[in-house]
């Protein structure tokens, strides 16, 4: 049983997920005829965990919604086995509620219980209350496949 992935496999996997670039291996991962056009970045108040979904501990401040990022090289950059956001990811400004966001995630749906693809703890928790606009700067969201 394999305990990891080869570099080529990792890169092809990332290209298929984040840039909708399909190759022989990627055709096993998605329907190349109608792939998802966006992935959705979400905020979470606690660790959603590997068995969670996009709604697990998801932010609930008033006006919150997930942010779509295109599955293209205009949405995600890939350098080796690391991907990062090409543009700023800006959530709607809070119009009510107060909570602390401690995790960010990437999933497959704009709303509902979509698949949680990757998640990670924020370096510093983000306090959100009325008037706060959560945002990630260019290249602030990174994932390394290894």
C-alpha atoms as a PDB file:
ATOM      1  CA  UNK A   1       0.000   0.000   0.000  1.00  0.00           C
ATOM      2  CA  UNK A   2       1.349   3.430  -0.944  1.00  0.00           C
ATOM      3  CA  UNK A   3       1.994   5.879   1.882  1.00  0.00           C
ATOM      4  CA  UNK A   4       2.248   9.010  -0.296  1.00  0.00           C
ATOM      5  CA  UNK A   5       1.972  10.328  -3.828  1.00  0.00           C
ATOM      6  CA  UNK A   6       4.641  10.902  -6.434  1.00  0.00           C
ATOM      7  CA  UNK A   7       5.322  14.523  -7.412  1.00  0.00           C
ATOM      8  CA  UNK A   8       3.791  14.107 -10.878  1.00  0.00           C
ATOM      9  CA  UNK A   9       0.629  12.616  -9.409  1.00  0.00           C
ATOM     10  CA  UNK A  10       0.351  15.458  -6.875  1.00  0.00           C
ATOM     11  CA  UNK A  11       0.809  18.154  -9.501  1.00  0.00           C
ATOM     12  CA  UNK A  12      -1.707  16.575 -11.899  1.00  0.00           C
ATOM     13  CA  UNK A  13      -4.159  16.228  -9.009  1.00  0.00           C
ATOM     14  CA  UNK A  14      -3.751  19.918  -8.081  1.00  0.00           C
ATOM     15  CA  UNK A  15      -4.106  21.033 -11.704  1.00  0.00           C
ATOM     16  CA  UNK A  16      -7.314  18.999 -12.049  1.00  0.00           C
ATOM     17  CA  UNK A  17      -8.835  20.375  -8.840  1.00  0.00           C
ATOM     18  CA  UNK A  18      -7.758  24.033  -8.994  1.00  0.00           C
ATOM     19  CA  UNK A  19      -7.266  24.751 -12.693  1.00  0.00           C
ATOM     20  CA  UNK A  20      -9.665  22.275 -14.366  1.00  0.00           C
ATOM     21  CA  UNK A  21      -6.774  21.061 -16.518  1.00  0.00           C
ATOM     22  CA  UNK A  22      -7.522  17.501 -17.505  1.00  0.00           C
ATOM     23  CA  UNK A  23      -4.968  14.853 -18.332  1.00  0.00           C
ATOM     24  CA  UNK A  24      -5.059  11.091 -18.421  1.00  0.00           C
ATOM     25  CA  UNK A  25      -4.901  10.814 -14.618  1.00  0.00           C
ATOM     26  CA  UNK A  26      -7.343  13.662 -14.034  1.00  0.00           C
ATOM     27  CA  UNK A  27     -10.021  11.976 -16.101  1.00  0.00           C
ATOM     28  CA  UNK A  28     -10.292   9.526 -13.211  1.00  0.00           C
ATOM     29  CA  UNK A  29     -11.073  12.395 -10.821  1.00  0.00           C
ATOM     30  CA  UNK A  30     -13.866  14.280 -12.591  1.00  0.00           C
ATOM     31  CA  UNK A  31     -16.180  14.364 -15.552  1.00  0.00           C
ATOM     32  CA  UNK A  32     -14.046  16.347 -18.013  1.00  0.00           C
ATOM     33  CA  UNK A  33     -17.199  17.198 -19.996  1.00  0.00           C
ATOM     34  CA  UNK A  34     -18.766  19.276 -17.192  1.00  0.00           C
ATOM     35  CA  UNK A  35     -16.293  19.971 -14.383  1.00  0.00           C
ATOM     36  CA  UNK A  36     -16.980  22.331 -11.494  1.00  0.00           C
ATOM     37  CA  UNK A  37     -16.051  25.867 -12.582  1.00  0.00           C
ATOM     38  CA  UNK A  38     -15.429  27.220  -9.053  1.00  0.00           C
ATOM     39  CA  UNK A  39     -14.207  26.086  -5.671  1.00  0.00           C
ATOM     40  CA  UNK A  40     -15.589  27.837  -2.582  1.00  0.00           C
ATOM     41  CA  UNK A  41     -13.548  29.262   0.290  1.00  0.00           C
ATOM     42  CA  UNK A  42     -15.262  29.190   3.671  1.00  0.00           C
ATOM     43  CA  UNK A  43     -14.565  30.370   7.216  1.00  0.00           C
ATOM     44  CA  UNK A  44     -15.036  28.214  10.320  1.00  0.00           C
ATOM     45  CA  UNK A  45     -15.250  28.885  14.040  1.00  0.00           C
ATOM     46  CA  UNK A  46     -13.601  25.540  14.897  1.00  0.00           C
ATOM     47  CA  UNK A  47     -11.764  22.712  13.173  1.00  0.00           C
ATOM     48  CA  UNK A  48     -14.177  21.167  10.641  1.00  0.00           C
ATOM     49  CA  UNK A  49     -12.092  17.963  10.737  1.00  0.00           C
ATOM     50  CA  UNK A  50     -11.302  15.461   8.023  1.00  0.00           C
ATOM     51  CA  UNK A  51     -14.743  13.854   8.353  1.00  0.00           C
ATOM     52  CA  UNK A  52     -16.617  17.196   8.298  1.00  0.00           C
ATOM     53  CA  UNK A  53     -18.305  18.931   5.395  1.00  0.00           C
ATOM     54  CA  UNK A  54     -18.520  22.563   4.327  1.00  0.00           C
ATOM     55  CA  UNK A  55     -21.141  23.357   6.987  1.00  0.00           C
ATOM     56  CA  UNK A  56     -19.183  21.880   9.913  1.00  0.00           C
ATOM     57  CA  UNK A  57     -18.455  24.757  12.330  1.00  0.00           C
ATOM     58  CA  UNK A  58     -18.991  27.195   9.445  1.00  0.00           C
ATOM     59  CA  UNK A  59     -19.159  30.941  10.084  1.00  0.00           C
ATOM     60  CA  UNK A  60     -22.658  32.243  10.734  1.00  0.00           C
ATOM     61  CA  UNK A  61     -22.291  36.017  11.036  1.00  0.00           C
ATOM     62  CA  UNK A  62     -25.050  38.015   9.321  1.00  0.00           C
ATOM     63  CA  UNK A  63     -24.419  38.344   5.542  1.00  0.00           C
ATOM     64  CA  UNK A  64     -21.703  35.629   5.502  1.00  0.00           C
ATOM     65  CA  UNK A  65     -21.364  33.542   2.378  1.00  0.00           C
ATOM     66  CA  UNK A  66     -18.654  31.399   0.815  1.00  0.00           C
ATOM     67  CA  UNK A  67     -16.420  33.015  -1.783  1.00  0.00           C
ATOM     68  CA  UNK A  68     -16.135  31.431  -5.242  1.00  0.00           C
ATOM     69  CA  UNK A  69     -12.663  31.102  -6.779  1.00  0.00           C
ATOM     70  CA  UNK A  70     -12.368  29.969 -10.392  1.00  0.00           C
ATOM     71  CA  UNK A  71     -10.722  26.631 -11.120  1.00  0.00           C
ATOM     72  CA  UNK A  72      -8.275  28.231 -13.520  1.00  0.00           C
ATOM     73  CA  UNK A  73      -4.753  29.624 -13.476  1.00  0.00           C
ATOM     74  CA  UNK A  74      -6.471  32.984 -12.913  1.00  0.00           C
ATOM     75  CA  UNK A  75      -7.906  31.668  -9.635  1.00  0.00           C
ATOM     76  CA  UNK A  76      -5.089  29.472  -8.338  1.00  0.00           C
ATOM     77  CA  UNK A  77      -1.329  29.435  -8.879  1.00  0.00           C
ATOM     78  CA  UNK A  78       0.580  26.157  -8.705  1.00  0.00           C
ATOM     79  CA  UNK A  79       4.295  26.123  -7.962  1.00  0.00           C
ATOM     80  CA  UNK A  80       5.642  22.608  -7.584  1.00  0.00           C
ATOM     81  CA  UNK A  81       3.230  20.972  -5.157  1.00  0.00           C
ATOM     82  CA  UNK A  82       1.992  24.204  -3.558  1.00  0.00           C
ATOM     83  CA  UNK A  83      -1.114  26.088  -4.644  1.00  0.00           C
ATOM     84  CA  UNK A  84      -2.164  29.588  -3.623  1.00  0.00           C
ATOM     85  CA  UNK A  85      -4.888  32.107  -4.407  1.00  0.00           C
ATOM     86  CA  UNK A  86      -4.062  34.457  -7.314  1.00  0.00           C
ATOM     87  CA  UNK A  87      -6.429  37.267  -6.218  1.00  0.00           C
ATOM     88  CA  UNK A  88      -7.634  38.480  -2.843  1.00  0.00           C
ATOM     89  CA  UNK A  89     -10.467  36.380  -1.361  1.00  0.00           C
ATOM     90  CA  UNK A  90     -12.923  38.812   0.237  1.00  0.00           C
ATOM     91  CA  UNK A  91     -15.987  37.717   2.185  1.00  0.00           C
ATOM     92  CA  UNK A  92     -19.097  39.868   2.602  1.00  0.00           C
ATOM     93  CA  UNK A  93     -18.888  42.443   5.391  1.00  0.00           C
ATOM     94  CA  UNK A  94     -20.560  41.401   8.627  1.00  0.00           C
ATOM     95  CA  UNK A  95     -23.837  43.214   9.194  1.00  0.00           C
ATOM     96  CA  UNK A  96     -24.534  41.522  12.511  1.00  0.00           C
ATOM     97  CA  UNK A  97     -23.364  38.815  14.859  1.00  0.00           C
ATOM     98  CA  UNK A  98     -20.014  38.369  16.497  1.00  0.00           C
ATOM     99  CA  UNK A  99     -17.714  35.359  16.320  1.00  0.00           C
ATOM    100  CA  UNK A 100     -14.093  34.274  16.015  1.00  0.00           C
ATOM    101  CA  UNK A 101     -13.035  32.507  12.814  1.00  0.00           C
ATOM    102  CA  UNK A 102     -10.187  30.062  13.432  1.00  0.00           C
ATOM    103  CA  UNK A 103     -10.147  27.923  10.253  1.00  0.00           C
ATOM    104  CA  UNK A 104     -10.478  28.406   6.504  1.00  0.00           C
ATOM    105  CA  UNK A 105     -11.482  25.696   4.048  1.00  0.00           C
ATOM    106  CA  UNK A 106     -11.958  24.996   0.364  1.00  0.00           C
ATOM    107  CA  UNK A 107     -14.956  23.015  -0.818  1.00  0.00           C
ATOM    108  CA  UNK A 108     -17.182  22.209  -3.773  1.00  0.00           C
ATOM    109  CA  UNK A 109     -20.487  24.059  -3.196  1.00  0.00           C
ATOM    110  CA  UNK A 110     -21.605  27.681  -2.828  1.00  0.00           C
ATOM    111  CA  UNK A 111     -23.947  26.616   0.011  1.00  0.00           C
ATOM    112  CA  UNK A 112     -25.023  23.451   1.764  1.00  0.00           C
ATOM    113  CA  UNK A 113     -23.071  20.349   2.734  1.00  0.00           C
ATOM    114  CA  UNK A 114     -20.566  20.181  -0.110  1.00  0.00           C
ATOM    115  CA  UNK A 115     -17.332  18.218   0.023  1.00  0.00           C
ATOM    116  CA  UNK A 116     -14.624  19.715   2.188  1.00  0.00           C
ATOM    117  CA  UNK A 117     -11.452  19.380   0.091  1.00  0.00           C
ATOM    118  CA  UNK A 118      -8.822  21.088   2.288  1.00  0.00           C
ATOM    119  CA  UNK A 119      -8.905  22.999   5.571  1.00  0.00           C
ATOM    120  CA  UNK A 120      -6.413  24.610   7.893  1.00  0.00           C
ATOM    121  CA  UNK A 121      -6.080  26.748  10.985  1.00  0.00           C
ATOM    122  CA  UNK A 122      -5.646  30.496  10.586  1.00  0.00           C
ATOM    123  CA  UNK A 123      -2.325  31.806  11.891  1.00  0.00           C
ATOM    124  CA  UNK A 124      -4.276  34.309  13.993  1.00  0.00           C
ATOM    125  CA  UNK A 125      -7.983  33.967  14.821  1.00  0.00           C
ATOM    126  CA  UNK A 126     -10.130  36.560  13.061  1.00  0.00           C
ATOM    127  CA  UNK A 127     -12.648  38.418  15.235  1.00  0.00           C
ATOM    128  CA  UNK A 128     -15.701  39.215  13.106  1.00  0.00           C
ATOM    129  CA  UNK A 129     -18.439  41.618  14.139  1.00  0.00           C
ATOM    130  CA  UNK A 130     -20.608  44.213  12.412  1.00  0.00           C
ATOM    131  CA  UNK A 131     -18.589  46.231   9.876  1.00  0.00           C
ATOM    132  CA  UNK A 132     -15.688  43.739   9.596  1.00  0.00           C
ATOM    133  CA  UNK A 133     -14.889  42.427   6.098  1.00  0.00           C
ATOM    134  CA  UNK A 134     -12.862  39.201   6.342  1.00  0.00           C
ATOM    135  CA  UNK A 135     -10.306  38.846   3.556  1.00  0.00           C
ATOM    136  CA  UNK A 136      -7.254  36.858   2.500  1.00  0.00           C
ATOM    137  CA  UNK A 137      -4.563  38.705   0.543  1.00  0.00           C
ATOM    138  CA  UNK A 138      -3.061  37.345  -2.673  1.00  0.00           C
ATOM    139  CA  UNK A 139      -1.121  34.136  -1.917  1.00  0.00           C
ATOM    140  CA  UNK A 140      -2.346  34.065   1.709  1.00  0.00           C
ATOM    141  CA  UNK A 141      -4.216  30.776   1.214  1.00  0.00           C
ATOM    142  CA  UNK A 142      -1.678  28.035   0.507  1.00  0.00           C
ATOM    143  CA  UNK A 143      -1.879  24.280   0.336  1.00  0.00           C
ATOM    144  CA  UNK A 144       1.106  21.998  -0.126  1.00  0.00           C
ATOM    145  CA  UNK A 145       0.537  18.458  -1.385  1.00  0.00           C
ATOM    146  CA  UNK A 146       3.288  16.059  -0.481  1.00  0.00           C
END
